[in-house]
Amino acid sequence: MYKAVIFDLDGTLLNTLPSLAHSCNTVLESLGHPTHAQDNYRLMVGRGISNLVLQMLPEDVRERQHAAALEQYYDTYERNLYYQLDPYPGILELLSDLKSSGIKLAVLSNKGQDYTEEIVANILPDTFDHVLGASEKYPLKPDPASANAIADLLQLEKNTILFVGDSNVDMMTAKNAEMTACGVAWGFRTREELLKSGADFIAEKAEDILEIVLND
């Protein structure tokens, strides 16, 4: 049995794609650029907001418009933080069951620390032992520093921690931190990507994670 679970946020616990896509497209429209279909953003997210904004811009203007677009994105995203934002099916029940089973819980996101803390506090309150987002303190995932820091805070051996996420970045983070990697089939990326990136398990539905934690 695992003693703790570290969850990615976007695409794992919460479907944040509508809010991210809406904010990005609002910025693109204001700059006079074509927008992207919501599903196209699935491949742009996961490596931090700065990279997301860079990827959304047309290639020929990325270098010169990145800074201004990033500043505008932050302003727009703050106003649309909860746009169509919901937990995935079964997540609330999963977190409750894990917590009642004595499992320590943490969030590790490449979303900014302030955004991560605010969203978790409002959508998933009183649930997690630690919530860590992007900051100057640690490099972004897949660097293992932030995952290792959570293990230290929990005072647990890394082989007792399950790392759950929806992207290659998450699976690589788990591997780099020497934790067990569990991919989720409902997120932004494909099952094939998760397996190729080293997933030890694939959860088809939220309750699969409970079974992995308690029975493996």
Protein backbone atom coordinates (compact mmCIF):
# COMPACT_ATOMS: atom_id res chain seq x y z
CA MET A 1 0.00 0.00 0.00
CA TYR A 2 1.20 3.49 -0.81
CA LYS A 3 1.34 6.08 1.96
CA ALA A 4 0.87 9.20 -0.16
CA VAL A 5 -0.35 10.38 -3.54
CA ILE A 6 0.95 13.42 -5.40
CA PHE A 7 -1.54 14.70 -7.98
CA ASP A 8 -1.01 16.93 -10.96
CA LEU A 9 -3.80 19.53 -11.16
CA ASP A 10 -4.71 20.44 -14.75
CA GLY A 11 -6.08 17.47 -16.66
CA THR A 12 -5.82 15.19 -13.64
CA LEU A 13 -7.96 16.53 -10.81
CA LEU A 14 -9.68 19.36 -12.66
CA ASN A 15 -10.70 19.94 -16.25
CA THR A 16 -9.05 23.33 -16.68
CA LEU A 17 -8.88 23.15 -20.47
CA PRO A 18 -11.93 25.42 -21.06
CA SER A 19 -10.53 28.19 -18.84
CA LEU A 20 -7.04 27.95 -20.35
CA ALA A 21 -8.33 27.87 -23.93
CA HIS A 22 -10.79 30.71 -23.34
CA SER A 23 -8.08 32.91 -21.83
CA CYS A 24 -5.61 32.14 -24.61
CA ASN A 25 -8.13 32.78 -27.36
CA THR A 26 -9.21 36.06 -25.74
CA VAL A 27 -5.59 37.24 -25.87
CA LEU A 28 -5.12 36.04 -29.45
CA GLU A 29 -8.27 37.86 -30.57
CA SER A 30 -7.10 41.08 -28.93
CA LEU A 31 -3.79 40.80 -30.79
CA GLY A 32 -5.51 40.14 -34.10
CA HIS A 33 -4.34 36.54 -34.41
CA PRO A 34 -6.34 33.41 -35.31
CA THR A 35 -7.62 31.40 -32.35
CA HIS A 36 -7.22 27.68 -31.71
CA ALA A 37 -9.85 25.00 -31.16
CA GLN A 38 -10.08 24.06 -27.49
CA ASP A 39 -8.79 20.54 -28.09
CA ASN A 40 -5.64 21.90 -29.73
CA TYR A 41 -4.55 23.31 -26.39
CA ARG A 42 -4.19 19.79 -24.99
CA LEU A 43 -0.74 19.58 -26.57
CA MET A 44 0.31 23.08 -25.49
CA VAL A 45 -0.25 22.78 -21.74
CA GLY A 46 1.89 21.05 -19.15
CA ARG A 47 5.16 22.97 -19.22
CA GLY A 48 4.10 26.20 -17.55
CA ILE A 49 2.21 29.32 -18.57
CA SER A 50 5.11 31.01 -20.32
CA ASN A 51 5.50 28.05 -22.67
CA LEU A 52 1.73 27.86 -23.22
CA VAL A 53 1.61 31.49 -24.34
CA LEU A 54 4.62 30.97 -26.58
CA GLN A 55 3.01 27.95 -28.25
CA MET A 56 -0.33 29.69 -28.84
CA LEU A 57 1.23 32.57 -30.79
CA PRO A 58 1.88 32.35 -34.54
CA GLU A 59 5.49 31.30 -35.10
CA ASP A 60 6.48 34.48 -36.94
CA VAL A 61 5.57 36.74 -33.98
CA ARG A 62 6.47 34.54 -31.00
CA GLU A 63 9.76 36.17 -30.15
CA ARG A 64 8.64 39.79 -30.33
CA GLN A 65 5.13 39.40 -28.89
CA HIS A 66 5.73 36.79 -26.19
CA ALA A 67 6.35 39.18 -23.28
CA ALA A 68 3.34 41.38 -24.03
CA ALA A 69 1.07 38.40 -24.68
CA LEU A 70 2.19 36.77 -21.43
CA GLU A 71 1.37 39.88 -19.42
CA GLN A 72 -2.04 40.10 -21.09
CA TYR A 73 -2.64 36.40 -20.48
CA TYR A 74 -2.09 36.73 -16.73
CA ASP A 75 -4.60 39.58 -16.57
CA THR A 76 -7.14 37.66 -18.67
CA TYR A 77 -6.67 34.36 -16.85
CA GLU A 78 -7.23 35.95 -13.45
CA ARG A 79 -10.65 37.08 -14.65
CA ASN A 80 -11.47 33.64 -16.07
CA LEU A 81 -9.86 31.38 -13.49
CA TYR A 82 -13.07 29.45 -12.82
CA TYR A 83 -14.48 29.47 -16.36
CA GLN A 84 -16.23 26.08 -16.79
CA LEU A 85 -13.87 24.66 -14.16
CA ASP A 86 -14.94 21.34 -12.64
CA PRO A 87 -13.39 18.26 -11.02
CA TYR A 88 -13.41 15.18 -13.22
CA PRO A 89 -16.03 12.51 -12.44
CA GLY A 90 -15.25 10.57 -9.29
CA ILE A 91 -12.43 12.84 -8.12
CA LEU A 92 -14.21 14.22 -5.06
CA GLU A 93 -15.14 10.72 -3.91
CA LEU A 94 -11.61 9.46 -4.59
CA LEU A 95 -9.99 12.19 -2.52
CA SER A 96 -12.42 11.62 0.33
CA ASP A 97 -11.78 7.87 0.31
CA LEU A 98 -8.00 8.32 0.21
CA LYS A 99 -8.08 10.81 3.04
CA SER A 100 -10.30 8.60 5.20
CA SER A 101 -7.86 5.75 4.57
CA GLY A 102 -5.04 7.78 6.07
CA ILE A 103 -3.28 8.49 2.79
CA LYS A 104 -1.32 11.75 2.62
CA LEU A 105 -2.27 13.94 -0.34
CA ALA A 106 -0.42 16.63 -2.27
CA VAL A 107 -0.77 18.68 -5.45
CA LEU A 108 2.18 19.45 -7.71
CA SER A 109 1.49 21.70 -10.68
CA ASN A 110 3.42 23.72 -13.24
CA LYS A 111 0.69 26.34 -12.85
CA GLY A 112 1.82 29.34 -10.79
CA GLN A 113 1.82 28.91 -7.01
CA ASP A 114 -0.80 31.60 -6.37
CA TYR A 115 -3.21 30.23 -8.98
CA THR A 116 -2.68 26.66 -7.80
CA GLU A 117 -3.31 27.51 -4.16
CA GLU A 118 -6.40 29.60 -4.93
CA ILE A 119 -8.02 27.01 -7.18
CA VAL A 120 -7.35 24.12 -4.79
CA ALA A 121 -8.60 26.12 -1.80
CA ASN A 122 -11.85 26.98 -3.56
CA ILE A 123 -12.62 23.81 -5.52
CA LEU A 124 -10.98 21.14 -3.32
CA PRO A 125 -10.81 22.71 0.16
CA ASP A 126 -9.37 21.04 3.26
CA THR A 127 -8.09 18.08 1.27
CA PHE A 128 -4.35 18.30 0.70
CA ASP A 129 -1.41 18.22 3.06
CA HIS A 130 0.74 20.21 0.64
CA VAL A 131 0.04 22.25 -2.49
CA LEU A 132 2.98 23.20 -4.67
CA GLY A 133 2.83 25.23 -7.87
CA ALA A 134 5.41 26.90 -10.04
CA SER A 135 7.71 29.37 -8.30
CA GLU A 136 11.30 30.52 -8.34
CA LYS A 137 12.08 28.06 -5.56
CA TYR A 138 12.06 24.96 -7.79
CA PRO A 139 12.46 24.22 -11.52
CA LEU A 140 9.32 23.18 -13.38
CA LYS A 141 8.38 19.53 -13.82
CA PRO A 142 9.79 17.17 -15.10
CA ASP A 143 12.69 18.26 -12.92
CA PRO A 144 12.23 16.14 -9.76
CA ALA A 145 13.18 18.86 -7.26
CA SER A 146 9.61 19.84 -6.38
CA ALA A 147 8.44 16.21 -6.10
CA ASN A 148 11.42 15.45 -3.88
CA ALA A 149 10.57 18.47 -1.74
CA ILE A 150 7.06 17.12 -1.19
CA ALA A 151 8.47 13.74 -0.18
CA ASP A 152 10.68 15.53 2.35
CA LEU A 153 7.74 17.53 3.69
CA LEU A 154 5.70 14.33 4.06
CA GLN A 155 8.71 12.60 5.64
CA LEU A 156 8.15 9.55 3.45
CA GLU A 157 10.36 7.31 1.37
CA LYS A 158 9.81 8.01 -2.31
CA ASN A 159 8.96 4.39 -3.10
CA THR A 160 5.86 4.78 -0.89
CA ILE A 161 4.50 7.65 -3.01
CA LEU A 162 2.26 7.34 -6.08
CA PHE A 163 2.58 10.19 -8.58
CA VAL A 164 -0.60 10.73 -10.63
CA GLY A 165 -0.80 12.84 -13.78
CA ASP A 166 -2.11 13.10 -17.31
CA SER A 167 0.97 13.91 -19.38
CA ASN A 168 4.45 12.83 -20.36
CA VAL A 169 5.76 15.62 -18.12
CA ASP A 170 4.11 14.00 -15.10
CA MET A 171 5.34 10.51 -15.93
CA MET A 172 8.88 11.82 -16.43
CA THR A 173 8.67 13.71 -13.15
CA ALA A 174 7.70 10.52 -11.34
CA LYS A 175 10.54 8.59 -12.94
CA ASN A 176 13.07 11.34 -12.27
CA ALA A 177 11.98 11.39 -8.62
CA GLU A 178 12.04 7.58 -8.39
CA MET A 179 8.33 7.41 -7.58
CA THR A 180 5.65 5.14 -9.06
CA ALA A 181 3.97 6.76 -12.07
CA CYS A 182 0.22 6.51 -12.64
CA GLY A 183 -1.28 8.06 -15.75
CA VAL A 184 -4.94 8.99 -16.05
CA ALA A 185 -6.88 8.19 -19.22
CA TRP A 186 -9.29 11.13 -18.88
CA GLY A 187 -6.74 13.96 -19.14
CA PHE A 188 -5.22 16.12 -21.85
CA ARG A 189 -2.84 13.57 -23.37
CA THR A 190 -3.16 10.07 -24.80
CA ARG A 191 -2.77 6.68 -23.18
CA GLU A 192 0.04 5.94 -25.66
CA GLU A 193 1.99 9.00 -24.55
CA LEU A 194 1.64 8.04 -20.90
CA LEU A 195 2.88 4.49 -21.47
CA LYS A 196 5.74 5.64 -23.67
CA SER A 197 6.78 8.09 -20.95
CA GLY A 198 7.01 5.37 -18.32
CA ALA A 199 3.60 5.00 -16.69
CA ASP A 200 3.54 2.02 -14.31
CA PHE A 201 -0.27 2.15 -14.16
CA ILE A 202 -3.05 3.68 -16.23
CA ALA A 203 -6.21 4.67 -14.36
CA GLU A 204 -9.27 4.48 -16.60
CA LYS A 205 -11.48 6.03 -13.93
CA ALA A 206 -10.89 7.81 -10.63
CA GLU A 207 -11.71 4.82 -8.44
CA ASP A 208 -8.90 2.84 -10.10
CA ILE A 209 -6.44 5.05 -8.23
CA LEU A 210 -7.93 4.03 -4.88
CA GLU A 211 -7.50 0.37 -5.79
CA ILE A 212 -3.88 0.94 -6.85
CA VAL A 213 -3.06 2.80 -3.64
CA LEU A 214 -4.67 0.36 -1.23
CA ASN A 215 -4.01 -2.95 -2.97
CA ASP A 216 -0.68 -2.71 -4.77
